[in-house]
N, C-alpha and C. Protein backbone atom coordinates (compact mmCIF):
# COMPACT_ATOMS: atom_id res chain seq x y z
N ILE A 1 14.21 39.68 106.49
CA ILE A 1 15.18 39.53 105.88
C ILE A 1 15.28 40.78 105.47
N ALA A 2 16.76 41.15 105.95
CA ALA A 2 17.93 42.46 104.94
C ALA A 2 18.43 42.53 104.50
N VAL A 3 18.48 43.87 103.56
CA VAL A 3 20.11 43.36 102.58
C VAL A 3 21.43 44.56 102.51
N THR A 4 21.80 45.27 103.65
CA THR A 4 22.73 47.07 103.66
C THR A 4 23.51 47.22 102.66
N GLY A 5 24.06 47.72 102.02
CA GLY A 5 25.28 48.17 101.50
C GLY A 5 26.16 49.34 102.46
N SER A 6 27.45 48.96 101.54
CA SER A 6 28.27 50.60 102.70
C SER A 6 29.46 50.28 102.07
N ASP A 7 30.15 51.01 102.52
CA ASP A 7 31.05 51.90 102.25
C ASP A 7 32.23 51.10 101.89
N ASP A 8 32.68 49.75 103.19
CA ASP A 8 33.31 48.79 103.00
C ASP A 8 33.58 47.92 100.86
N HIS A 9 32.34 48.03 100.47
CA HIS A 9 32.41 47.87 98.91
C HIS A 9 31.21 46.60 99.24
N LEU A 10 30.85 45.50 100.57
CA LEU A 10 30.38 44.67 100.45
C LEU A 10 28.68 45.04 100.86
N TRP A 11 27.80 43.83 100.15
CA TRP A 11 26.48 44.39 101.02
C TRP A 11 26.36 42.73 101.72
N LYS A 12 25.36 43.16 102.79
CA LYS A 12 25.06 41.55 103.97
C LYS A 12 24.30 41.36 103.54
N MET A 13 23.47 40.26 103.63
CA MET A 13 21.83 40.19 104.65
C MET A 13 21.66 39.51 105.95
N TRP A 14 20.69 40.14 106.26
CA TRP A 14 20.79 40.00 107.81
C TRP A 14 19.23 39.66 107.81
N THR A 15 19.24 37.75 109.00
CA THR A 15 17.65 37.66 109.01
C THR A 15 17.76 39.05 110.85
N LEU A 16 15.72 38.74 110.62
CA LEU A 16 15.40 40.12 111.01
C LEU A 16 14.07 38.70 112.51
N PRO A 17 14.47 39.40 113.33
CA PRO A 17 14.92 39.84 114.48
C PRO A 17 16.06 40.05 115.10
N ASP A 18 16.21 39.17 115.30
CA ASP A 18 17.66 39.00 115.45
C ASP A 18 18.91 39.24 115.48
N GLY A 19 18.72 39.63 113.80
CA GLY A 19 20.73 40.24 113.69
C GLY A 19 21.55 39.75 112.86
N ASN A 20 21.15 38.35 111.97
CA ASN A 20 22.83 37.71 112.05
C ASN A 20 22.88 37.69 110.42
N ILE A 21 24.69 37.35 110.08
CA ILE A 21 23.81 37.92 109.06
C ILE A 21 24.28 36.59 107.96
N ILE A 22 23.10 36.43 106.72
CA ILE A 22 23.63 35.13 106.11
C ILE A 22 24.31 34.86 105.81
N MET A 23 24.49 35.80 104.15
CA MET A 23 24.69 36.35 103.30
C MET A 23 25.89 37.57 103.00
N THR A 24 26.85 37.71 102.38
CA THR A 24 27.28 39.01 102.27
C THR A 24 27.88 37.92 100.68
N GLY A 25 28.55 39.65 100.28
CA GLY A 25 28.54 39.83 98.65
C GLY A 25 30.28 40.50 98.39
N GLU A 26 31.33 39.91 97.81
CA GLU A 26 32.14 40.42 97.96
C GLU A 26 32.25 40.82 96.15
N GLY A 27 32.81 41.89 95.73
CA GLY A 27 33.13 42.32 94.41
C GLY A 27 33.25 43.76 93.37
N HIS A 28 32.22 44.57 94.17
CA HIS A 28 32.53 45.50 93.95
C HIS A 28 33.96 46.14 94.05
N THR A 29 34.13 47.34 94.02
CA THR A 29 35.59 48.12 93.97
C THR A 29 35.51 49.71 94.70
N ASP A 30 34.14 49.82 95.58
CA ASP A 30 34.36 50.88 95.63
C ASP A 30 32.66 51.18 96.87
N TRP A 31 32.22 51.89 97.08
CA TRP A 31 31.52 51.95 98.51
C TRP A 31 30.01 51.52 97.85
N LEU A 32 28.92 50.93 98.05
CA LEU A 32 27.73 50.76 97.25
C LEU A 32 26.48 51.64 97.95
N SER A 33 25.70 51.36 96.74
CA SER A 33 24.91 53.04 96.86
C SER A 33 23.52 52.45 97.37
N GLY A 34 23.03 51.05 96.36
CA GLY A 34 22.48 50.11 96.61
C GLY A 34 21.77 49.25 96.32
N CYS A 35 20.69 48.85 96.63
CA CYS A 35 19.94 47.55 96.99
C CYS A 35 19.22 47.16 96.92
N CYS A 36 19.27 45.86 96.01
CA CYS A 36 17.52 45.47 95.88
C CYS A 36 16.75 44.61 95.23
N PHE A 37 16.03 43.67 95.71
CA PHE A 37 15.24 42.06 95.63
C PHE A 37 15.24 42.11 93.81
N ARG A 38 15.42 41.03 93.49
CA ARG A 38 14.17 40.32 91.66
C ARG A 38 12.61 40.50 92.83
N PRO A 39 12.23 40.65 92.10
CA PRO A 39 10.72 40.18 92.53
C PRO A 39 10.55 39.12 93.07
N SER A 40 11.56 38.23 92.18
CA SER A 40 10.76 37.03 92.77
C SER A 40 11.85 36.39 93.58
N GLY A 41 12.59 37.40 94.22
CA GLY A 41 13.45 36.89 95.52
C GLY A 41 14.59 36.55 95.03
N THR A 42 14.82 36.35 93.95
CA THR A 42 16.47 34.24 93.70
C THR A 42 17.51 35.39 93.24
N GLN A 43 17.21 37.24 92.54
CA GLN A 43 18.48 37.55 92.94
C GLN A 43 18.78 38.90 93.57
N LEU A 44 19.26 40.11 93.71
CA LEU A 44 20.33 40.91 94.09
C LEU A 44 20.92 42.08 93.28
N VAL A 45 20.18 43.04 92.73
CA VAL A 45 21.13 44.09 92.30
C VAL A 45 21.65 45.25 93.26
N THR A 46 22.65 45.69 92.62
CA THR A 46 23.86 46.50 93.05
C THR A 46 24.02 47.71 92.59
N SER A 47 24.54 48.86 93.31
CA SER A 47 25.11 49.72 92.98
C SER A 47 25.61 50.20 93.78
N SER A 48 27.08 50.86 92.85
CA SER A 48 28.49 51.62 93.32
C SER A 48 29.12 52.91 92.54
N GLY A 49 30.24 53.03 93.54
CA GLY A 49 30.98 54.53 93.65
C GLY A 49 31.55 53.35 91.86
N ASP A 50 31.72 52.46 92.12
CA ASP A 50 32.61 52.01 91.09
C ASP A 50 32.18 52.06 89.55
N THR A 51 31.13 52.94 89.45
CA THR A 51 29.97 52.96 88.05
C THR A 51 29.81 51.38 87.27
N THR A 52 30.02 51.00 88.88
CA THR A 52 29.04 48.78 88.20
C THR A 52 27.39 49.24 88.71
N VAL A 53 27.14 48.81 88.08
CA VAL A 53 26.14 47.32 88.54
C VAL A 53 26.23 45.82 88.78
N ARG A 54 25.45 45.32 89.40
CA ARG A 54 26.42 44.01 89.75
C ARG A 54 24.84 42.66 89.46
N ILE A 55 24.62 42.52 89.99
CA ILE A 55 23.29 41.10 89.63
C ILE A 55 23.95 39.59 90.19
N TRP A 56 23.51 39.66 91.99
CA TRP A 56 23.72 38.31 92.33
C TRP A 56 22.67 37.33 92.21
N ASP A 57 23.36 36.04 92.49
CA ASP A 57 22.18 35.06 92.08
C ASP A 57 22.63 34.15 93.77
N LEU A 58 21.06 34.80 94.01
CA LEU A 58 21.16 34.07 95.37
C LEU A 58 21.58 32.78 96.42
N SER A 59 21.37 31.80 95.68
CA SER A 59 21.29 30.61 95.46
C SER A 59 23.29 29.66 95.02
N LYS A 60 23.10 30.60 93.90
CA LYS A 60 24.33 30.41 93.40
C LYS A 60 25.35 31.03 94.45
N ARG A 61 25.18 32.45 95.41
CA ARG A 61 26.28 32.96 96.62
C ARG A 61 27.20 33.67 95.76
N GLY A 62 27.07 34.71 95.16
CA GLY A 62 27.67 35.15 93.80
C GLY A 62 27.27 36.11 93.21
N CYS A 63 28.37 36.64 92.06
CA CYS A 63 27.90 37.61 90.98
C CYS A 63 27.78 36.95 90.04
N ILE A 64 27.02 37.01 89.31
CA ILE A 64 26.81 36.46 87.90
C ILE A 64 26.44 37.08 86.62
N LEU A 65 26.03 38.27 87.03
CA LEU A 65 26.75 40.16 85.84
C LEU A 65 27.13 41.45 86.37
N THR A 66 28.06 41.93 85.69
CA THR A 66 28.16 43.79 85.28
C THR A 66 28.50 44.21 84.68
N LEU A 67 27.33 44.89 85.06
CA LEU A 67 26.61 45.60 83.59
C LEU A 67 27.41 47.54 84.01
N LYS A 68 28.28 47.46 82.31
CA LYS A 68 29.00 48.59 82.75
C LYS A 68 29.01 49.31 81.86
N GLY A 69 28.18 51.05 81.85
CA GLY A 69 27.80 51.88 81.39
C GLY A 69 27.80 53.09 81.19
N HIS A 70 28.18 53.46 82.37
CA HIS A 70 28.10 54.60 83.56
C HIS A 70 29.68 55.02 83.63
N ALA A 71 29.88 56.23 83.10
CA ALA A 71 30.90 56.74 83.15
C ALA A 71 31.65 57.07 84.82
N ARG A 72 30.23 57.44 85.60
CA ARG A 72 31.07 58.30 86.94
C ARG A 72 30.29 57.47 87.87
N ALA A 73 30.15 57.47 89.27
CA ALA A 73 29.46 56.22 90.15
C ALA A 73 27.92 56.34 90.47
N VAL A 74 27.51 55.50 90.30
CA VAL A 74 25.25 54.77 90.15
C VAL A 74 25.28 55.20 91.65
N ARG A 75 24.27 56.31 91.89
CA ARG A 75 23.75 56.41 92.97
C ARG A 75 22.68 55.54 93.51
N ASP A 76 22.16 54.57 92.01
CA ASP A 76 20.73 53.65 92.93
C ASP A 76 20.20 52.35 91.49
N CYS A 77 19.77 52.09 92.04
CA CYS A 77 19.54 50.86 91.55
C CYS A 77 18.30 49.71 91.85
N SER A 78 16.75 49.55 90.28
CA SER A 78 16.34 48.83 91.17
C SER A 78 15.20 47.87 89.71
N TRP A 79 14.71 46.72 90.65
CA TRP A 79 14.71 45.93 89.75
C TRP A 79 12.68 45.99 89.53
N HIS A 80 12.91 46.93 87.52
CA HIS A 80 11.08 46.68 87.44
C HIS A 80 10.55 45.42 88.41
N SER A 81 9.11 46.30 88.14
CA SER A 81 7.71 44.76 88.83
C SER A 81 7.94 43.22 87.82
N CYS A 82 8.38 43.34 86.58
CA CYS A 82 8.01 42.17 86.21
C CYS A 82 9.45 41.24 86.13
N GLY A 83 10.33 41.88 86.84
CA GLY A 83 11.71 41.44 87.59
C GLY A 83 12.37 40.57 85.48
N ASP A 84 12.82 41.32 84.41
CA ASP A 84 13.03 41.64 83.47
C ASP A 84 14.01 42.88 83.39
N PHE A 85 13.90 43.84 83.66
CA PHE A 85 14.73 45.25 83.86
C PHE A 85 14.70 45.83 85.11
N VAL A 86 15.55 45.85 85.31
CA VAL A 86 16.80 47.18 86.27
C VAL A 86 17.15 48.54 85.47
N ALA A 87 17.17 49.16 86.14
CA ALA A 87 16.94 50.57 86.08
C ALA A 87 18.83 51.22 87.25
N SER A 88 19.01 51.81 86.37
CA SER A 88 20.00 52.62 87.19
C SER A 88 20.42 53.76 87.17
N ALA A 89 21.08 55.02 87.76
CA ALA A 89 20.42 56.27 87.73
C ALA A 89 22.30 56.93 88.12
N SER A 90 22.94 58.20 87.95
CA SER A 90 24.56 58.14 88.15
C SER A 90 25.11 58.63 87.97
N VAL A 91 25.41 59.35 88.23
CA VAL A 91 26.40 60.64 88.49
C VAL A 91 26.76 60.90 87.16
N ASP A 92 26.78 60.07 86.72
CA ASP A 92 27.43 61.39 85.34
C ASP A 92 25.89 62.03 84.43
N SER A 93 24.47 62.07 85.46
CA SER A 93 23.86 62.28 84.73
C SER A 93 23.14 61.33 83.41
N THR A 94 22.75 60.76 83.84
CA THR A 94 22.14 59.41 82.86
C THR A 94 21.84 58.73 84.20
N SER A 95 20.40 57.54 83.45
CA SER A 95 19.77 56.67 83.68
C SER A 95 19.62 55.57 82.58
N LYS A 96 20.07 54.57 83.34
CA LYS A 96 20.43 53.12 82.56
C LYS A 96 18.54 52.34 82.19
N ILE A 97 18.01 52.00 81.32
CA ILE A 97 17.37 50.57 81.77
C ILE A 97 18.24 49.09 80.54
N TRP A 98 18.02 48.08 82.23
CA TRP A 98 18.99 47.21 80.94
C TRP A 98 18.16 45.91 81.77
N ASP A 99 17.82 46.19 80.02
CA ASP A 99 16.84 44.27 80.17
C ASP A 99 18.20 43.26 80.07
N VAL A 100 17.79 42.48 81.81
CA VAL A 100 19.02 40.96 82.28
C VAL A 100 18.26 40.81 81.14
N ASN A 101 17.56 40.04 80.23
CA ASN A 101 17.16 38.54 79.80
C ASN A 101 18.48 38.55 78.29
N ARG A 102 18.25 40.05 77.87
CA ARG A 102 19.43 39.65 76.87
C ARG A 102 21.01 39.73 77.49
N TYR A 103 21.20 38.97 78.62
CA TYR A 103 22.28 38.56 79.09
C TYR A 103 22.29 37.36 79.93
N GLY A 104 21.17 36.90 79.48
CA GLY A 104 20.80 35.27 80.01
C GLY A 104 20.41 34.92 81.42
N VAL A 105 20.34 36.64 81.42
CA VAL A 105 20.11 35.56 83.17
C VAL A 105 17.98 36.10 83.85
N THR A 106 17.68 34.94 84.16
CA THR A 106 16.91 34.47 84.28
C THR A 106 16.70 34.54 86.41
N GLY A 107 15.58 34.52 86.54
CA GLY A 107 14.63 34.04 88.01
C GLY A 107 13.65 34.12 88.76
N HIS A 108 12.91 34.02 87.52
CA HIS A 108 11.35 33.57 87.67
C HIS A 108 11.27 33.04 88.85
């Protein structure tokens, strides 16, 4: 399985090697710059030119949290290996560490 983000504001999950789309995420209002699976594999984090970072629950097939705080486009995002924190980096010259447990996001 692979996940891609694009200028069309969507992320898509693909099966490999056949290349079938098995899930699509809609909600960002600008291009996607990053996608990263939670270490447990239950969730996905995405970053976008719309200044937000979003967490998606794959079993619910939707966004469960939108993280706001960057003033400009977010260039990338990543889960910490423990699965409790998300890092994001923006062209506003800031990086943020988000404690997802603070927002009630679980997925271990």
